[in-house]
Protein backbone atom coordinates (compact mmCIF):
# COMPACT_ATOMS: atom_id res chain seq x y z
CA MET A 1 -15.94 -8.28 2.87
CA SER A 2 -16.86 -6.98 6.27
CA ASN A 3 -18.48 -3.97 7.85
CA VAL A 4 -17.33 -4.77 11.39
CA ALA A 5 -15.65 -1.33 11.59
CA LEU A 6 -19.14 0.21 11.53
CA THR A 7 -20.24 -1.68 14.64
CA VAL A 8 -17.10 -2.09 16.77
CA SER A 9 -14.51 0.45 17.88
CA ARG A 10 -11.16 0.01 16.14
CA GLY A 11 -9.05 1.80 18.74
CA THR A 12 -5.46 1.01 19.60
CA ASP A 13 -6.42 -1.41 22.40
CA GLY A 14 -4.90 -4.34 20.47
CA LYS A 15 -8.19 -6.23 20.14
CA TRP A 16 -9.04 -7.77 16.78
CA HIS A 17 -12.69 -8.41 16.10
CA ARG A 18 -13.98 -11.20 13.90
CA PRO A 19 -15.16 -9.89 10.50
CA LYS A 20 -18.88 -9.99 9.79
CA LYS A 21 -19.90 -11.00 6.29
CA LEU A 22 -22.12 -8.51 4.47
CA ASP A 23 -25.56 -9.68 3.39
CA ARG A 24 -25.32 -7.48 0.29
CA PHE A 25 -23.07 -4.79 -1.10
CA ASN A 26 -22.69 -2.48 -4.08
CA LEU A 27 -19.87 -3.29 -6.47
CA THR A 28 -18.78 -0.79 -9.10
CA LEU A 29 -16.13 -1.55 -11.73
CA THR A 30 -14.46 1.09 -13.88
CA TYR A 31 -11.98 0.63 -16.71
CA ASP A 32 -9.93 3.51 -18.06
CA LYS A 33 -6.59 3.63 -19.86
CA GLY A 34 -5.81 -0.02 -19.07
CA ALA A 35 -6.69 0.17 -15.37
CA LEU A 36 -9.60 -1.73 -13.83
CA ARG A 37 -10.80 -0.27 -10.53
CA THR A 38 -13.23 -1.93 -8.13
CA TYR A 39 -15.30 0.02 -5.63
CA ILE A 40 -17.21 -1.61 -2.78
CA ASN A 41 -19.99 0.51 -1.30
CA GLY A 42 -18.44 3.57 -2.96
CA LEU A 43 -14.91 3.09 -1.63
CA LEU A 44 -11.96 2.18 -3.86
CA ASP A 45 -11.05 -1.44 -3.18
CA GLN A 46 -8.48 -2.40 -5.85
CA THR A 47 -6.72 -1.09 -8.95
CA ILE A 48 -5.51 -3.68 -11.44
CA ASP A 49 -3.45 -2.87 -14.54
CA LEU A 50 -4.95 -4.94 -17.36
CA GLY A 51 -3.71 -3.14 -20.42
CA LYS A 52 -6.00 -3.04 -23.43
CA ILE A 53 -8.99 -5.40 -23.34
CA LYS A 54 -11.37 -6.57 -26.07
CA TRP A 55 -14.90 -5.59 -25.11
CA GLY A 56 -16.37 -8.54 -26.99
CA SER A 57 -14.73 -10.85 -24.47
CA VAL A 58 -16.22 -9.11 -21.39
CA GLU A 59 -18.96 -11.11 -19.68
CA ILE A 60 -20.93 -10.01 -16.61
CA THR A 61 -21.98 -12.99 -14.51
CA SER A 62 -22.41 -14.06 -10.91
CA PRO A 63 -21.61 -17.56 -9.61
CA ASP A 64 -24.74 -17.62 -7.47
CA HIS A 65 -26.97 -15.66 -9.90
CA LYS A 66 -27.68 -12.96 -7.33
CA LEU A 67 -26.99 -9.87 -9.45
CA SER A 68 -29.74 -7.36 -8.84
CA ASP A 69 -28.74 -4.52 -11.16
CA VAL A 70 -26.14 -4.03 -13.89
CA SER A 71 -25.38 -0.80 -15.76
CA VAL A 72 -22.72 -0.18 -18.39
CA TYR A 73 -21.52 3.34 -19.21
CA ASN A 74 -19.49 4.27 -22.27
CA ARG A 75 -17.35 6.74 -20.35
CA ARG A 76 -15.32 6.97 -17.17
CA LEU A 77 -17.37 7.84 -14.08
CA ASN A 78 -16.01 10.31 -11.57
CA TRP A 79 -15.98 9.69 -7.81
CA ARG A 80 -19.17 11.72 -7.25
CA GLU A 81 -21.07 9.66 -9.83
CA ILE A 82 -19.83 6.42 -8.28
CA SER A 83 -20.88 7.50 -4.79
CA ILE A 84 -24.36 8.39 -6.05
CA LEU A 85 -24.70 4.94 -7.64
CA GLN A 86 -23.86 3.36 -4.27
CA GLU A 87 -26.81 4.98 -2.47
């Protein structure tokens, strides 16, 4: 993930700038009607069709143990709610 677009102009001059790795970011996952959606810093990143999942098999982990906050909601969040969570 990179936020280079925030610091360097992305005009049509043909120059490609090296991505800068983020120190931290907000990741939001939603699951509704078989579709898993990932949001990074409030912006939709991916939509993956999973079909029906068994909630008992869902595990929230981090390979480097750097999770700072986890919330689980029992309903679909709308875009406004997701953007507020990213603040």
